[in-house]
Amino acid sequence: MTSPYSRRVFLAHGAQTLGAMPTLIASSWVYGMDTPSFAMDESYKHLREQDLSILLVLLPIALGIDLQVSRPEDHPLLSQSLKAMDHVSDQLSERNRNDLMLLLTLLSLPVTRIALGLWRPWKEATRDELVGFLGRWEKSIMSFRRFGYQSLMQLMEYAFYGVPGNAAAIGYPGIPPSIGPFLRRFQSERTTR
């Protein structure tokens, strides 16, 4: 029987760590390179720079709204939505928040992003690729992907429509009725802080 502290076990773990280093280094380099300056804010409690990059790309696709990072007039709306997503994640239970952060981490790492169904980096993916990615996750036979899809959609819907004026700014008549009860709680907690 091999001791957990044997030289063989130590070397095996060391080799695995060394093998993973290029991916970790490359991932650290990738983090943040796509995040525009208007989205950077030190007041985020949970969302990290790499999370912001992913959410900025997914938000318009997931909600079917015409917001673009390349248009300066959209920056305030996108920035408010990111801050609202951070607030929504703060309202989650610790377990749900940890699951969400793990999902965002997996989506941000190049190796796992590819394994999860998106070949190109988030910023380079076409609209059709992103729509296909979300659609495959929504209808997947794997519960992990369906759960990931639902988690991301709920985060973005609650956050976007929770910001007063967002719906009107994109010409939407009002918030979806299905998320009304949560939004009332979300907005009351924001005003009491």
Foldseek 3Di string as FASTA:
>chain_A
DDDCPDPVVVVVVVVVVVVCVVLVVVLVVQQQPQQDPLQDDPPQDQDDRLLLNQCLLQLCLLVVFDADPPDPVRSVLSNQLVSLLSLVLVPDDPVLSVLLVVLSVLCSRQVSVVVLQQNDHSVPDDSVSSNVSLVCLCPPPDVSSVVNSVSSSVSNLLSNLLPPPNCVVRPHPHRDPVCVVVSVVSNVVVVVD
